[in-house]
Amino acid sequence: MKHRRRLAIAAGAVLASVVVLYVLLYMYEKPGGWSDQRMSQVLKMDKAIRIPLGKSPEEAVRLFRNDSSIQVIHQEPAARGTLVFYTRLYQKDGSDLEVEYVRKTWLGWKWVWGGGYGIGATTPASALNYMSLPEVDHLSTPFPMVYGEVLDPSIQKIVVETKEAGPDKYEAKLIQGEKGTTLWFAFLPAPASAPFEIIGFNEAGDKAAAKTITNVRDSGSILLGN
């Protein structure tokens, strides 16, 4: 009898611990919860942001952005979450590309950080588009990262070369997205600072396009032959 009572007490303690843990997790991750309050403090916002929870990375982005024009073209596992690359259907001339980092929680997927660019009509000499996303202080993300879209099929390899704090080279990953889009992205070590150079190589291994970036939040196009 005493043995059964001890087992019952132990089982009750475990169940109570699980309930307490779930309540704490809910209070932390719920929209407007402790996690959102912390982000609001980091961003120095007047009131707490409310980040919705989604059943998938794509749904988390759609709910947070509240935008039906989002067209996801690729999802890439990163850190404890996923990078969601997408375009917006209203961009008819030129090109646009957004990337959002969402993390996996016990309650679902939650948006953390992201950004994007929109560039007007490009010329036939455009080799690739790019945008630099710097590290975010006090937030856990896979950034800094440089990403974009390959516009000319002659570009077969992209390298980002840092200039300061120990010069080094980081080869970008090229991915065939939906509707023929070729994405590229490269993670940089934190903290990464400008200047750094984006270099595109052709199939022969020759430098086909290059640009030195002096602003860690820069975006734009790189022309062939530059």
C-alpha atoms as a PDB file:
ATOM      1  CA  MET A   1       0.000   0.000   0.000  1.00  0.00           C
ATOM      2  CA  LYS A   2       2.802   2.448   0.897  1.00  0.00           C
ATOM      3  CA  HIS A   3       4.604   1.556  -2.333  1.00  0.00           C
ATOM      4  CA  ARG A   4       1.498   2.345  -4.399  1.00  0.00           C
ATOM      5  CA  ARG A   5       1.025   5.611  -2.534  1.00  0.00           C
ATOM      6  CA  ARG A   6       4.592   6.636  -3.272  1.00  0.00           C
ATOM      7  CA  LEU A   7       4.121   5.799  -6.959  1.00  0.00           C
ATOM      8  CA  ALA A   8       0.921   7.844  -7.058  1.00  0.00           C
ATOM      9  CA  ILE A   9       2.645  10.813  -5.402  1.00  0.00           C
ATOM     10  CA  ALA A  10       5.582  10.569  -7.836  1.00  0.00           C
ATOM     11  CA  ALA A  11       3.236  10.341 -10.827  1.00  0.00           C
ATOM     12  CA  GLY A  12       1.279  13.341  -9.564  1.00  0.00           C
ATOM     13  CA  ALA A  13       4.495  15.346  -9.138  1.00  0.00           C
ATOM     14  CA  VAL A  14       5.585  14.512 -12.698  1.00  0.00           C
ATOM     15  CA  LEU A  15       2.178  15.469 -14.084  1.00  0.00           C
ATOM     16  CA  ALA A  16       2.210  18.745 -12.150  1.00  0.00           C
ATOM     17  CA  SER A  17       5.702  19.529 -13.484  1.00  0.00           C
ATOM     18  CA  VAL A  18       4.547  18.885 -17.040  1.00  0.00           C
ATOM     19  CA  VAL A  19       1.535  21.151 -16.573  1.00  0.00           C
ATOM     20  CA  VAL A  20       3.679  23.924 -15.078  1.00  0.00           C
ATOM     21  CA  LEU A  21       6.191  23.580 -17.933  1.00  0.00           C
ATOM     22  CA  TYR A  22       3.443  23.794 -20.548  1.00  0.00           C
ATOM     23  CA  VAL A  23       1.931  26.866 -18.864  1.00  0.00           C
ATOM     24  CA  LEU A  24       5.336  28.574 -18.784  1.00  0.00           C
ATOM     25  CA  LEU A  25       5.950  27.733 -22.448  1.00  0.00           C
ATOM     26  CA  TYR A  26       2.523  29.040 -23.375  1.00  0.00           C
ATOM     27  CA  MET A  27       3.099  32.273 -21.463  1.00  0.00           C
ATOM     28  CA  TYR A  28       6.435  32.691 -23.243  1.00  0.00           C
ATOM     29  CA  GLU A  29       5.369  31.863 -26.811  1.00  0.00           C
ATOM     30  CA  LYS A  30       1.747  33.040 -27.023  1.00  0.00           C
ATOM     31  CA  PRO A  31       1.059  36.157 -29.140  1.00  0.00           C
ATOM     32  CA  GLY A  32       1.939  39.113 -26.938  1.00  0.00           C
ATOM     33  CA  GLY A  33       3.666  36.809 -24.424  1.00  0.00           C
ATOM     34  CA  TRP A  34       7.043  37.107 -22.743  1.00  0.00           C
ATOM     35  CA  SER A  35       8.941  36.403 -25.976  1.00  0.00           C
ATOM     36  CA  ASP A  36       7.108  39.169 -27.828  1.00  0.00           C
ATOM     37  CA  GLN A  37       7.541  41.542 -24.887  1.00  0.00           C
ATOM     38  CA  ARG A  38      11.282  40.892 -24.925  1.00  0.00           C
ATOM     39  CA  MET A  39      11.479  41.586 -28.657  1.00  0.00           C
ATOM     40  CA  SER A  40       9.525  44.810 -28.163  1.00  0.00           C
ATOM     41  CA  GLN A  41      12.083  45.898 -25.568  1.00  0.00           C
ATOM     42  CA  VAL A  42      14.969  45.021 -27.895  1.00  0.00           C
ATOM     43  CA  LEU A  43      13.364  47.051 -30.693  1.00  0.00           C
ATOM     44  CA  LYS A  44      12.483  49.856 -28.229  1.00  0.00           C
ATOM     45  CA  MET A  45       8.810  49.787 -29.169  1.00  0.00           C
ATOM     46  CA  ASP A  46       6.217  51.669 -27.142  1.00  0.00           C
ATOM     47  CA  LYS A  47       3.930  48.650 -26.786  1.00  0.00           C
ATOM     48  CA  ALA A  48       4.386  44.900 -27.080  1.00  0.00           C
ATOM     49  CA  ILE A  49       4.255  43.360 -30.531  1.00  0.00           C
ATOM     50  CA  ARG A  50       1.911  40.390 -31.045  1.00  0.00           C
ATOM     51  CA  ILE A  51       3.447  37.718 -33.266  1.00  0.00           C
ATOM     52  CA  PRO A  52       0.934  35.008 -34.284  1.00  0.00           C
ATOM     53  CA  LEU A  53       1.689  31.291 -34.259  1.00  0.00           C
ATOM     54  CA  GLY A  54       1.386  29.268 -37.477  1.00  0.00           C
ATOM     55  CA  LYS A  55       1.048  25.561 -38.180  1.00  0.00           C
ATOM     56  CA  SER A  56       3.845  25.804 -40.773  1.00  0.00           C
ATOM     57  CA  PRO A  57       6.695  28.227 -41.588  1.00  0.00           C
ATOM     58  CA  GLU A  58       4.719  29.592 -44.545  1.00  0.00           C
ATOM     59  CA  GLU A  59       1.588  30.144 -42.461  1.00  0.00           C
ATOM     60  CA  ALA A  60       3.628  31.919 -39.768  1.00  0.00           C
ATOM     61  CA  VAL A  61       4.917  34.381 -42.372  1.00  0.00           C
ATOM     62  CA  ARG A  62       1.501  34.933 -43.931  1.00  0.00           C
ATOM     63  CA  LEU A  63      -0.111  35.563 -40.543  1.00  0.00           C
ATOM     64  CA  PHE A  64       2.573  37.976 -39.421  1.00  0.00           C
ATOM     65  CA  ARG A  65       2.740  39.915 -42.700  1.00  0.00           C
ATOM     66  CA  ASN A  66      -1.035  39.711 -43.241  1.00  0.00           C
ATOM     67  CA  ASP A  67      -0.402  39.661 -46.977  1.00  0.00           C
ATOM     68  CA  SER A  68      -2.238  37.391 -49.421  1.00  0.00           C
ATOM     69  CA  SER A  69       0.155  38.263 -52.269  1.00  0.00           C
ATOM     70  CA  ILE A  70       2.998  36.208 -50.781  1.00  0.00           C
ATOM     71  CA  GLN A  71       4.250  33.467 -53.123  1.00  0.00           C
ATOM     72  CA  VAL A  72       6.743  31.154 -51.408  1.00  0.00           C
ATOM     73  CA  ILE A  73       9.478  29.911 -53.755  1.00  0.00           C
ATOM     74  CA  HIS A  74      11.821  28.119 -51.333  1.00  0.00           C
ATOM     75  CA  GLN A  75      12.206  27.062 -47.696  1.00  0.00           C
ATOM     76  CA  GLU A  76      15.627  26.372 -46.193  1.00  0.00           C
ATOM     77  CA  PRO A  77      16.331  24.832 -42.744  1.00  0.00           C
ATOM     78  CA  ALA A  78      18.452  27.191 -40.637  1.00  0.00           C
ATOM     79  CA  ALA A  79      19.471  27.210 -36.970  1.00  0.00           C
ATOM     80  CA  ARG A  80      16.420  26.074 -34.963  1.00  0.00           C
ATOM     81  CA  GLY A  81      13.986  27.148 -37.633  1.00  0.00           C
ATOM     82  CA  THR A  82      13.478  27.815 -41.331  1.00  0.00           C
ATOM     83  CA  LEU A  83      14.207  30.544 -43.853  1.00  0.00           C
ATOM     84  CA  VAL A  84      11.200  31.302 -46.069  1.00  0.00           C
ATOM     85  CA  PHE A  85      12.008  32.925 -49.419  1.00  0.00           C
ATOM     86  CA  TYR A  86       9.106  34.500 -51.271  1.00  0.00           C
ATOM     87  CA  THR A  87       8.005  37.135 -53.744  1.00  0.00           C
ATOM     88  CA  ARG A  88       4.887  39.295 -53.844  1.00  0.00           C
ATOM     89  CA  LEU A  89       2.410  38.935 -56.697  1.00  0.00           C
ATOM     90  CA  TYR A  90       1.934  42.692 -57.115  1.00  0.00           C
ATOM     91  CA  GLN A  91       5.564  43.151 -58.253  1.00  0.00           C
ATOM     92  CA  LYS A  92       5.142  43.088 -62.062  1.00  0.00           C
ATOM     93  CA  ASP A  93       8.159  45.044 -63.333  1.00  0.00           C
ATOM     94  CA  GLY A  94      11.640  44.270 -62.068  1.00  0.00           C
ATOM     95  CA  SER A  95      12.116  41.776 -59.276  1.00  0.00           C
ATOM     96  CA  ASP A  96      11.537  41.471 -55.572  1.00  0.00           C
ATOM     97  CA  LEU A  97      12.649  38.897 -53.037  1.00  0.00           C
ATOM     98  CA  GLU A  98      11.922  38.569 -49.328  1.00  0.00           C
ATOM     99  CA  VAL A  99      13.375  36.217 -46.743  1.00  0.00           C
ATOM    100  CA  GLU A 100      11.940  35.584 -43.287  1.00  0.00           C
ATOM    101  CA  TYR A 101      13.383  33.517 -40.444  1.00  0.00           C
ATOM    102  CA  VAL A 102      10.797  31.600 -38.415  1.00  0.00           C
ATOM    103  CA  ARG A 103      11.586  29.350 -35.483  1.00  0.00           C
ATOM    104  CA  LYS A 104       9.944  26.154 -34.286  1.00  0.00           C
ATOM    105  CA  THR A 105       8.243  26.297 -30.893  1.00  0.00           C
ATOM    106  CA  TRP A 106       6.225  23.728 -28.959  1.00  0.00           C
ATOM    107  CA  LEU A 107       3.100  25.637 -29.913  1.00  0.00           C
ATOM    108  CA  GLY A 108       3.848  26.127 -33.604  1.00  0.00           C
ATOM    109  CA  TRP A 109       5.994  28.295 -35.880  1.00  0.00           C
ATOM    110  CA  LYS A 110       6.788  31.886 -34.966  1.00  0.00           C
ATOM    111  CA  TRP A 111       8.243  34.727 -37.045  1.00  0.00           C
ATOM    112  CA  VAL A 112      11.515  36.184 -35.758  1.00  0.00           C
ATOM    113  CA  TRP A 113      13.104  38.495 -38.338  1.00  0.00           C
ATOM    114  CA  GLY A 114      13.496  39.160 -42.036  1.00  0.00           C
ATOM    115  CA  GLY A 115      13.677  41.657 -44.837  1.00  0.00           C
ATOM    116  CA  GLY A 116      13.523  42.071 -48.574  1.00  0.00           C
ATOM    117  CA  TYR A 117      14.117  44.242 -51.591  1.00  0.00           C
ATOM    118  CA  GLY A 118      12.256  45.447 -54.643  1.00  0.00           C
ATOM    119  CA  ILE A 119      14.225  46.490 -57.713  1.00  0.00           C
ATOM    120  CA  GLY A 120      12.835  48.117 -60.834  1.00  0.00           C
ATOM    121  CA  ALA A 121      13.229  46.766 -64.346  1.00  0.00           C
ATOM    122  CA  THR A 122      16.724  45.370 -64.827  1.00  0.00           C
ATOM    123  CA  THR A 123      18.883  45.595 -67.947  1.00  0.00           C
ATOM    124  CA  PRO A 124      20.099  42.604 -70.015  1.00  0.00           C
ATOM    125  CA  ALA A 125      23.535  43.260 -68.490  1.00  0.00           C
ATOM    126  CA  SER A 126      22.304  42.508 -64.938  1.00  0.00           C
ATOM    127  CA  ALA A 127      24.076  39.463 -63.515  1.00  0.00           C
ATOM    128  CA  LEU A 128      22.413  39.175 -60.110  1.00  0.00           C
ATOM    129  CA  ASN A 129      20.470  41.013 -57.423  1.00  0.00           C
ATOM    130  CA  TYR A 130      21.522  41.082 -53.783  1.00  0.00           C
ATOM    131  CA  MET A 131      20.607  42.221 -50.295  1.00  0.00           C
ATOM    132  CA  SER A 132      22.601  42.129 -47.079  1.00  0.00           C
ATOM    133  CA  LEU A 133      20.863  41.271 -43.796  1.00  0.00           C
ATOM    134  CA  PRO A 134      23.053  42.079 -40.766  1.00  0.00           C
ATOM    135  CA  GLU A 135      23.057  40.383 -37.388  1.00  0.00           C
ATOM    136  CA  VAL A 136      20.288  41.515 -35.023  1.00  0.00           C
ATOM    137  CA  ASP A 137      21.510  42.448 -31.555  1.00  0.00           C
ATOM    138  CA  HIS A 138      20.002  40.388 -28.721  1.00  0.00           C
ATOM    139  CA  LEU A 139      17.931  38.203 -31.088  1.00  0.00           C
ATOM    140  CA  SER A 140      18.852  34.638 -32.039  1.00  0.00           C
ATOM    141  CA  THR A 141      18.839  34.435 -35.865  1.00  0.00           C
ATOM    142  CA  PRO A 142      21.004  32.822 -38.586  1.00  0.00           C
ATOM    143  CA  PHE A 143      21.991  36.296 -39.802  1.00  0.00           C
ATOM    144  CA  PRO A 144      24.219  37.995 -40.994  1.00  0.00           C
ATOM    145  CA  MET A 145      23.460  36.752 -44.473  1.00  0.00           C
ATOM    146  CA  VAL A 146      23.745  37.976 -48.062  1.00  0.00           C
ATOM    147  CA  TYR A 147      21.157  36.686 -50.532  1.00  0.00           C
ATOM    148  CA  GLY A 148      19.544  37.428 -53.853  1.00  0.00           C
ATOM    149  CA  GLU A 149      18.547  36.148 -57.273  1.00  0.00           C
ATOM    150  CA  VAL A 150      20.746  35.087 -60.185  1.00  0.00           C
ATOM    151  CA  LEU A 151      19.589  36.917 -63.316  1.00  0.00           C
ATOM    152  CA  ASP A 152      22.103  35.740 -65.928  1.00  0.00           C
ATOM    153  CA  PRO A 153      22.569  31.987 -66.572  1.00  0.00           C
ATOM    154  CA  SER A 154      26.310  32.466 -67.092  1.00  0.00           C
ATOM    155  CA  ILE A 155      26.699  32.935 -63.320  1.00  0.00           C
ATOM    156  CA  GLN A 156      27.480  29.473 -61.961  1.00  0.00           C
ATOM    157  CA  LYS A 157      29.165  30.319 -58.661  1.00  0.00           C
ATOM    158  CA  ILE A 158      28.978  33.204 -56.177  1.00  0.00           C
ATOM    159  CA  VAL A 159      31.495  33.990 -53.454  1.00  0.00           C
ATOM    160  CA  VAL A 160      31.304  36.623 -50.715  1.00  0.00           C
ATOM    161  CA  GLU A 161      34.749  37.799 -49.670  1.00  0.00           C
ATOM    162  CA  THR A 162      35.155  39.721 -46.417  1.00  0.00           C
ATOM    163  CA  LYS A 163      37.772  42.444 -46.297  1.00  0.00           C
ATOM    164  CA  GLU A 164      38.327  43.132 -42.597  1.00  0.00           C
ATOM    165  CA  ALA A 165      38.696  41.174 -39.350  1.00  0.00           C
ATOM    166  CA  GLY A 166      40.488  38.324 -41.058  1.00  0.00           C
ATOM    167  CA  PRO A 167      39.752  38.317 -44.822  1.00  0.00           C
ATOM    168  CA  ASP A 168      37.929  35.130 -45.825  1.00  0.00           C
ATOM    169  CA  LYS A 169      35.743  33.708 -48.595  1.00  0.00           C
ATOM    170  CA  TYR A 170      32.254  32.235 -48.231  1.00  0.00           C
ATOM    171  CA  GLU A 171      30.721  30.364 -51.142  1.00  0.00           C
ATOM    172  CA  ALA A 172      27.021  30.938 -51.645  1.00  0.00           C
ATOM    173  CA  LYS A 173      24.478  28.188 -52.049  1.00  0.00           C
ATOM    174  CA  LEU A 174      22.572  28.331 -55.355  1.00  0.00           C
ATOM    175  CA  ILE A 175      19.065  26.858 -55.435  1.00  0.00           C
ATOM    176  CA  GLN A 176      16.552  26.425 -58.232  1.00  0.00           C
ATOM    177  CA  GLY A 177      13.345  27.863 -56.831  1.00  0.00           C
ATOM    178  CA  GLU A 178       9.872  27.663 -58.275  1.00  0.00           C
ATOM    179  CA  LYS A 179       9.019  29.222 -61.668  1.00  0.00           C
ATOM    180  CA  GLY A 180      12.642  29.093 -62.841  1.00  0.00           C
ATOM    181  CA  THR A 181      13.994  31.402 -60.161  1.00  0.00           C
ATOM    182  CA  THR A 182      17.615  30.812 -59.119  1.00  0.00           C
ATOM    183  CA  LEU A 183      18.241  31.919 -55.539  1.00  0.00           C
ATOM    184  CA  TRP A 184      21.589  32.361 -53.856  1.00  0.00           C
ATOM    185  CA  PHE A 185      22.580  33.015 -50.264  1.00  0.00           C
ATOM    186  CA  ALA A 186      25.657  32.939 -48.068  1.00  0.00           C
ATOM    187  CA  PHE A 187      25.907  33.061 -44.288  1.00  0.00           C
ATOM    188  CA  LEU A 188      28.642  35.286 -42.875  1.00  0.00           C
ATOM    189  CA  PRO A 189      30.313  35.060 -39.458  1.00  0.00           C
ATOM    190  CA  ALA A 190      28.947  37.297 -36.715  1.00  0.00           C
ATOM    191  CA  PRO A 191      29.610  40.084 -36.394  1.00  0.00           C
ATOM    192  CA  ALA A 192      30.137  40.788 -40.098  1.00  0.00           C
ATOM    193  CA  SER A 193      30.913  44.321 -41.168  1.00  0.00           C
ATOM    194  CA  ALA A 194      31.402  46.129 -44.456  1.00  0.00           C
ATOM    195  CA  PRO A 195      33.203  46.295 -46.731  1.00  0.00           C
ATOM    196  CA  PHE A 196      32.847  42.896 -48.396  1.00  0.00           C
ATOM    197  CA  GLU A 197      32.799  41.864 -52.038  1.00  0.00           C
ATOM    198  CA  ILE A 198      30.216  39.794 -53.922  1.00  0.00           C
ATOM    199  CA  ILE A 199      31.798  37.952 -56.852  1.00  0.00           C
ATOM    200  CA  GLY A 200      30.019  35.961 -59.558  1.00  0.00           C
ATOM    201  CA  PHE A 201      31.943  33.387 -61.596  1.00  0.00           C
ATOM    202  CA  ASN A 202      31.061  31.785 -64.918  1.00  0.00           C
ATOM    203  CA  GLU A 203      31.305  28.101 -65.814  1.00  0.00           C
ATOM    204  CA  ALA A 204      34.979  28.489 -66.771  1.00  0.00           C
ATOM    205  CA  GLY A 205      35.746  29.823 -63.298  1.00  0.00           C
ATOM    206  CA  ASP A 206      36.385  33.360 -64.512  1.00  0.00           C
ATOM    207  CA  LYS A 207      35.134  36.409 -62.633  1.00  0.00           C
ATOM    208  CA  ALA A 208      32.036  37.600 -64.520  1.00  0.00           C
ATOM    209  CA  ALA A 209      30.603  40.174 -62.109  1.00  0.00           C
ATOM    210  CA  ALA A 210      31.670  41.760 -58.838  1.00  0.00           C
ATOM    211  CA  LYS A 211      30.766  44.570 -56.472  1.00  0.00           C
ATOM    212  CA  THR A 212      32.211  45.835 -53.198  1.00  0.00           C
ATOM    213  CA  ILE A 213      29.503  46.435 -50.575  1.00  0.00           C
ATOM    214  CA  THR A 214      30.142  49.246 -48.100  1.00  0.00           C
ATOM    215  CA  ASN A 215      26.769  49.197 -46.280  1.00  0.00           C
ATOM    216  CA  VAL A 216      25.681  46.109 -44.302  1.00  0.00           C
ATOM    217  CA  ARG A 217      22.041  46.913 -45.195  1.00  0.00           C
ATOM    218  CA  ASP A 218      22.668  47.471 -48.876  1.00  0.00           C
ATOM    219  CA  SER A 219      20.686  46.011 -51.795  1.00  0.00           C
ATOM    220  CA  GLY A 220      20.820  46.376 -55.552  1.00  0.00           C
ATOM    221  CA  SER A 221      21.969  44.807 -58.819  1.00  0.00           C
ATOM    222  CA  ILE A 222      25.407  43.781 -60.076  1.00  0.00           C
ATOM    223  CA  LEU A 223      26.138  44.092 -63.790  1.00  0.00           C
ATOM    224  CA  LEU A 224      28.108  41.682 -65.920  1.00  0.00           C
ATOM    225  CA  GLY A 225      31.694  42.764 -66.382  1.00  0.00           C
ATOM    226  CA  ASN A 226      31.814  44.953 -63.253  1.00  0.00           C
END
